[in-house]
């Protein structure tokens, strides 16, 4: 599975083309956000030798769809969350954690 506009539209149940630019932008932003949380890009073949797993791609679609549905920073009458349920736990399962200095920093001191 690859992240694309058609997949995003199917996830959001959008059939027209009116919001294609918005959906494309949100999908790209959600992917970058998740990659920053992970500590590596989805195209990183060392971290993901088999390609991006479907659950990570689903988390990106979930995040982009949430941003599509809730386009404003302020919500009235609902409990707000920084990211939708499920996204954080999916990302946490794949996140690269590091502690202390990296080899490059330690070598260059």
N, C-alpha and C. Protein backbone atom coordinates (compact mmCIF):
# COMPACT_ATOMS: atom_id res chain seq x y z
N UNK A 1 0.85 -1.18 0.00
CA UNK A 1 0.00 0.00 0.00
C UNK A 1 0.89 1.23 0.00
N UNK A 2 0.50 2.22 -0.74
CA UNK A 2 1.25 3.47 -0.78
C UNK A 2 0.31 4.62 -0.43
N UNK A 3 0.88 5.62 0.22
CA UNK A 3 0.09 6.80 0.57
C UNK A 3 -0.13 7.63 -0.68
N UNK A 4 -1.39 7.88 -0.99
CA UNK A 4 -1.70 8.71 -2.15
C UNK A 4 -3.07 9.37 -1.98
N UNK A 5 -3.38 10.27 -2.88
CA UNK A 5 -4.63 11.01 -2.81
C UNK A 5 -5.84 10.08 -2.88
N UNK A 6 -5.78 9.07 -3.73
CA UNK A 6 -6.91 8.14 -3.86
C UNK A 6 -7.16 7.42 -2.54
N UNK A 7 -6.10 6.97 -1.88
CA UNK A 7 -6.25 6.32 -0.58
C UNK A 7 -6.79 7.26 0.48
N UNK A 8 -6.32 8.50 0.42
CA UNK A 8 -6.78 9.51 1.38
C UNK A 8 -8.27 9.79 1.18
N UNK A 9 -8.69 9.92 -0.07
CA UNK A 9 -10.09 10.20 -0.37
C UNK A 9 -10.96 9.02 0.05
N UNK A 10 -10.48 7.81 -0.16
CA UNK A 10 -11.24 6.63 0.26
C UNK A 10 -11.36 6.59 1.78
N UNK A 11 -10.28 6.93 2.48
CA UNK A 11 -10.30 6.93 3.94
C UNK A 11 -11.30 7.96 4.48
N UNK A 12 -11.36 9.11 3.82
CA UNK A 12 -12.25 10.19 4.27
C UNK A 12 -13.64 10.10 3.65
N UNK A 13 -13.85 9.12 2.77
CA UNK A 13 -15.12 8.97 2.07
C UNK A 13 -15.47 10.23 1.28
N UNK A 14 -14.47 10.74 0.57
CA UNK A 14 -14.64 11.92 -0.27
C UNK A 14 -14.67 11.45 -1.72
N UNK A 15 -15.68 11.88 -2.48
CA UNK A 15 -15.80 11.42 -3.86
C UNK A 15 -15.49 12.51 -4.89
N UNK A 16 -15.70 13.76 -4.55
CA UNK A 16 -15.47 14.84 -5.50
C UNK A 16 -14.01 15.26 -5.56
N UNK A 17 -13.75 16.27 -6.36
CA UNK A 17 -12.38 16.76 -6.52
C UNK A 17 -12.17 18.13 -5.87
N UNK A 18 -13.21 18.67 -5.27
CA UNK A 18 -13.15 20.02 -4.70
C UNK A 18 -12.02 20.16 -3.67
N UNK A 19 -11.83 19.17 -2.82
CA UNK A 19 -10.85 19.26 -1.75
C UNK A 19 -9.55 18.51 -2.03
N UNK A 20 -9.29 18.17 -3.28
CA UNK A 20 -8.08 17.42 -3.61
C UNK A 20 -6.80 18.12 -3.14
N UNK A 21 -6.70 19.42 -3.34
CA UNK A 21 -5.50 20.14 -2.93
C UNK A 21 -5.33 20.12 -1.42
N UNK A 22 -6.43 20.31 -0.70
CA UNK A 22 -6.39 20.29 0.77
C UNK A 22 -5.99 18.90 1.26
N UNK A 23 -6.60 17.86 0.71
CA UNK A 23 -6.29 16.49 1.12
C UNK A 23 -4.84 16.13 0.82
N UNK A 24 -4.35 16.56 -0.33
CA UNK A 24 -2.95 16.29 -0.70
C UNK A 24 -2.00 16.96 0.28
N UNK A 25 -2.29 18.20 0.62
CA UNK A 25 -1.44 18.95 1.56
C UNK A 25 -1.49 18.33 2.95
N UNK A 26 -2.66 17.95 3.42
CA UNK A 26 -2.80 17.34 4.73
C UNK A 26 -2.11 15.98 4.81
N UNK A 27 -2.21 15.21 3.74
CA UNK A 27 -1.55 13.91 3.70
C UNK A 27 -0.04 14.07 3.80
N UNK A 28 0.52 15.01 3.06
CA UNK A 28 1.96 15.26 3.11
C UNK A 28 2.38 15.75 4.49
N UNK A 29 1.59 16.65 5.07
CA UNK A 29 1.91 17.17 6.41
C UNK A 29 1.83 16.07 7.46
N UNK A 30 0.83 15.22 7.38
CA UNK A 30 0.67 14.13 8.35
C UNK A 30 1.83 13.14 8.23
N UNK A 31 2.26 12.86 7.01
CA UNK A 31 3.39 11.95 6.82
C UNK A 31 4.65 12.54 7.44
N UNK A 32 4.92 13.80 7.19
CA UNK A 32 6.10 14.45 7.78
C UNK A 32 6.02 14.46 9.30
N UNK A 33 4.84 14.71 9.84
CA UNK A 33 4.66 14.73 11.29
C UNK A 33 4.96 13.35 11.89
N UNK A 34 4.41 12.32 11.30
CA UNK A 34 4.65 10.97 11.80
C UNK A 34 6.11 10.59 11.64
N UNK A 35 6.74 10.97 10.55
CA UNK A 35 8.16 10.68 10.37
C UNK A 35 9.01 11.36 11.45
N UNK A 36 8.66 12.58 11.82
CA UNK A 36 9.39 13.25 12.91
C UNK A 36 9.18 12.51 14.23
N UNK A 37 7.97 12.03 14.48
CA UNK A 37 7.71 11.27 15.70
C UNK A 37 8.48 9.94 15.71
N UNK A 38 8.59 9.34 14.54
CA UNK A 38 9.30 8.06 14.42
C UNK A 38 10.81 8.22 14.59
N UNK A 39 11.35 9.30 14.08
CA UNK A 39 12.79 9.49 14.07
C UNK A 39 13.43 9.02 12.78
N UNK A 40 12.62 8.67 11.79
CA UNK A 40 13.14 8.26 10.48
C UNK A 40 12.02 8.41 9.44
N UNK A 41 12.42 8.44 8.17
CA UNK A 41 11.47 8.59 7.07
C UNK A 41 10.87 7.23 6.71
N UNK A 42 9.69 7.24 6.16
CA UNK A 42 9.06 6.00 5.71
C UNK A 42 9.84 5.36 4.57
N UNK A 43 10.66 6.15 3.89
CA UNK A 43 11.48 5.62 2.80
C UNK A 43 12.81 5.06 3.30
N UNK A 44 13.07 5.10 4.61
CA UNK A 44 14.31 4.59 5.20
C UNK A 44 14.32 3.07 5.12
N UNK A 45 15.14 2.52 4.22
CA UNK A 45 15.16 1.07 4.02
C UNK A 45 15.91 0.33 5.12
N UNK A 46 16.69 1.04 5.92
CA UNK A 46 17.35 0.40 7.06
C UNK A 46 16.33 0.20 8.19
N UNK A 47 15.57 1.25 8.50
CA UNK A 47 14.56 1.15 9.55
C UNK A 47 13.37 0.30 9.12
N UNK A 48 13.03 0.38 7.85
CA UNK A 48 11.87 -0.35 7.33
C UNK A 48 12.28 -1.15 6.09
N UNK A 49 13.02 -2.23 6.26
CA UNK A 49 13.52 -2.97 5.10
C UNK A 49 12.43 -3.53 4.21
N UNK A 50 11.27 -3.78 4.76
CA UNK A 50 10.16 -4.30 3.97
C UNK A 50 9.21 -3.22 3.48
N UNK A 51 9.61 -1.97 3.61
CA UNK A 51 8.73 -0.86 3.26
C UNK A 51 7.88 -0.46 4.46
N UNK A 52 7.11 0.58 4.27
CA UNK A 52 6.27 1.09 5.36
C UNK A 52 5.17 0.09 5.69
N UNK A 53 5.05 -0.30 6.95
CA UNK A 53 3.97 -1.22 7.32
C UNK A 53 2.60 -0.56 7.20
N UNK A 54 1.60 -1.38 6.96
CA UNK A 54 0.25 -0.86 6.75
C UNK A 54 -0.29 -0.10 7.95
N UNK A 55 0.09 -0.50 9.16
CA UNK A 55 -0.44 0.21 10.32
C UNK A 55 0.11 1.64 10.41
N UNK A 56 1.37 1.85 10.00
CA UNK A 56 1.92 3.21 9.98
C UNK A 56 1.23 4.05 8.92
N UNK A 57 1.01 3.48 7.76
CA UNK A 57 0.30 4.21 6.71
C UNK A 57 -1.12 4.54 7.16
N UNK A 58 -1.76 3.61 7.84
CA UNK A 58 -3.11 3.87 8.36
C UNK A 58 -3.09 5.00 9.38
N UNK A 59 -2.07 5.02 10.24
CA UNK A 59 -1.95 6.10 11.23
C UNK A 59 -1.82 7.45 10.54
N UNK A 60 -1.12 7.50 9.44
CA UNK A 60 -0.96 8.76 8.68
C UNK A 60 -2.30 9.18 8.09
N UNK A 61 -3.02 8.24 7.51
CA UNK A 61 -4.35 8.55 6.99
C UNK A 61 -5.27 9.03 8.12
N UNK A 62 -5.20 8.38 9.29
CA UNK A 62 -6.03 8.78 10.43
C UNK A 62 -5.73 10.21 10.86
N UNK A 63 -4.44 10.54 10.93
CA UNK A 63 -4.04 11.89 11.35
C UNK A 63 -4.48 12.92 10.33
N UNK A 64 -4.24 12.65 9.05
CA UNK A 64 -4.64 13.59 8.00
C UNK A 64 -6.16 13.76 7.97
N UNK A 65 -6.90 12.68 8.16
CA UNK A 65 -8.36 12.75 8.17
C UNK A 65 -8.86 13.57 9.36
N UNK A 66 -8.20 13.42 10.50
CA UNK A 66 -8.57 14.21 11.67
C UNK A 66 -8.34 15.69 11.40
N UNK A 67 -7.21 16.00 10.80
CA UNK A 67 -6.94 17.40 10.45
C UNK A 67 -7.94 17.92 9.42
N UNK A 68 -8.37 17.06 8.52
CA UNK A 68 -9.35 17.45 7.50
C UNK A 68 -10.70 17.74 8.16
N UNK A 69 -11.10 16.90 9.10
CA UNK A 69 -12.38 17.08 9.78
C UNK A 69 -12.38 18.22 10.78
N UNK A 70 -11.23 18.49 11.38
CA UNK A 70 -11.10 19.52 12.41
C UNK A 70 -10.03 20.51 11.97
N UNK A 71 -10.41 21.41 11.10
CA UNK A 71 -9.43 22.30 10.47
C UNK A 71 -9.02 23.48 11.32
N UNK A 72 -9.70 23.70 12.41
CA UNK A 72 -9.38 24.83 13.28
C UNK A 72 -8.67 24.35 14.53
N UNK A 73 -7.89 25.24 15.12
CA UNK A 73 -7.15 24.90 16.34
C UNK A 73 -8.05 24.87 17.56
N UNK A 74 -9.23 25.47 17.49
CA UNK A 74 -10.14 25.53 18.62
C UNK A 74 -11.40 24.74 18.30
N UNK A 75 -11.78 23.87 19.24
CA UNK A 75 -13.01 23.11 19.11
C UNK A 75 -13.89 23.43 20.30
N UNK A 76 -15.16 23.68 20.07
CA UNK A 76 -16.08 24.02 21.14
C UNK A 76 -17.00 22.84 21.39
N UNK A 77 -17.15 22.48 22.67
CA UNK A 77 -18.09 21.44 23.04
C UNK A 77 -17.61 20.02 22.88
N UNK A 78 -16.33 19.82 22.61
CA UNK A 78 -15.78 18.47 22.50
C UNK A 78 -14.47 18.39 23.28
N UNK A 79 -14.07 17.19 23.61
CA UNK A 79 -12.79 16.99 24.25
C UNK A 79 -11.73 16.90 23.16
N UNK A 80 -10.80 17.82 23.18
CA UNK A 80 -9.76 17.86 22.15
C UNK A 80 -8.59 16.96 22.52
N UNK A 81 -7.98 16.39 21.51
CA UNK A 81 -6.78 15.57 21.66
C UNK A 81 -5.74 16.10 20.69
N UNK A 82 -4.45 16.02 21.05
CA UNK A 82 -3.43 16.50 20.11
C UNK A 82 -3.39 15.68 18.83
N UNK A 83 -3.55 14.36 18.94
CA UNK A 83 -3.67 13.49 17.76
C UNK A 83 -4.72 12.44 18.08
N UNK A 84 -5.37 11.88 17.06
CA UNK A 84 -6.46 10.94 17.30
C UNK A 84 -6.00 9.67 18.02
N UNK A 85 -6.95 9.06 18.75
CA UNK A 85 -6.66 7.77 19.38
C UNK A 85 -6.11 6.81 18.35
N UNK A 86 -5.17 6.04 18.73
CA UNK A 86 -4.60 5.03 17.83
C UNK A 86 -3.33 5.49 17.15
N UNK A 87 -3.27 6.73 16.73
CA UNK A 87 -2.09 7.21 16.01
C UNK A 87 -0.85 7.12 16.91
N UNK A 88 -0.94 7.66 18.12
CA UNK A 88 0.22 7.67 19.01
C UNK A 88 0.68 6.25 19.34
N UNK A 89 -0.24 5.36 19.59
CA UNK A 89 0.17 4.00 19.94
C UNK A 89 0.77 3.26 18.76
N UNK A 90 0.26 3.48 17.56
CA UNK A 90 0.84 2.85 16.37
C UNK A 90 2.25 3.38 16.15
N UNK A 91 2.41 4.69 16.24
CA UNK A 91 3.73 5.29 16.04
C UNK A 91 4.71 4.79 17.11
N UNK A 92 4.26 4.70 18.35
CA UNK A 92 5.13 4.25 19.44
C UNK A 92 5.68 2.84 19.19
N UNK A 93 4.89 2.00 18.55
CA UNK A 93 5.34 0.63 18.26
C UNK A 93 6.49 0.60 17.25
N UNK A 94 6.61 1.64 16.44
CA UNK A 94 7.63 1.66 15.39
C UNK A 94 8.71 2.71 15.62
N UNK A 95 8.58 3.48 16.67
CA UNK A 95 9.48 4.60 16.91
C UNK A 95 10.89 4.13 17.24
N UNK A 96 11.87 4.89 16.75
CA UNK A 96 13.26 4.62 17.07
C UNK A 96 13.63 5.49 18.27
N UNK A 97 14.03 4.84 19.34
CA UNK A 97 14.44 5.55 20.55
C UNK A 97 15.96 5.54 20.64
N UNK A 98 16.53 6.66 21.02
CA UNK A 98 17.97 6.74 21.27
C UNK A 98 18.20 7.43 22.60
N UNK A 99 19.25 7.04 23.25
CA UNK A 99 19.59 7.62 24.54
C UNK A 99 21.07 7.98 24.52
N UNK A 100 21.38 9.15 25.04
CA UNK A 100 22.79 9.57 25.07
C UNK A 100 23.24 10.10 23.73
N UNK A 101 24.54 10.11 23.54
CA UNK A 101 25.13 10.64 22.32
C UNK A 101 25.07 9.59 21.22
N UNK A 102 24.87 10.06 19.99
CA UNK A 102 24.96 9.16 18.86
C UNK A 102 26.43 8.92 18.55
N UNK A 103 26.76 7.91 17.77
CA UNK A 103 28.15 7.62 17.43
C UNK A 103 28.82 8.80 16.75
N UNK A 104 28.08 9.47 15.86
CA UNK A 104 28.64 10.60 15.12
C UNK A 104 29.02 11.74 16.07
N UNK A 105 28.13 12.05 17.02
CA UNK A 105 28.41 13.12 17.98
C UNK A 105 29.55 12.71 18.89
N UNK A 106 29.57 11.46 19.34
CA UNK A 106 30.62 11.01 20.25
C UNK A 106 31.98 11.03 19.57
N UNK A 107 32.03 10.64 18.27
CA UNK A 107 33.29 10.62 17.53
C UNK A 107 33.82 12.02 17.25
N UNK A 108 32.91 12.96 17.00
CA UNK A 108 33.32 14.32 16.65
C UNK A 108 33.43 15.21 17.88
N UNK A 109 33.04 14.67 19.04
CA UNK A 109 33.13 15.29 20.32
C UNK A 109 32.95 16.70 20.45
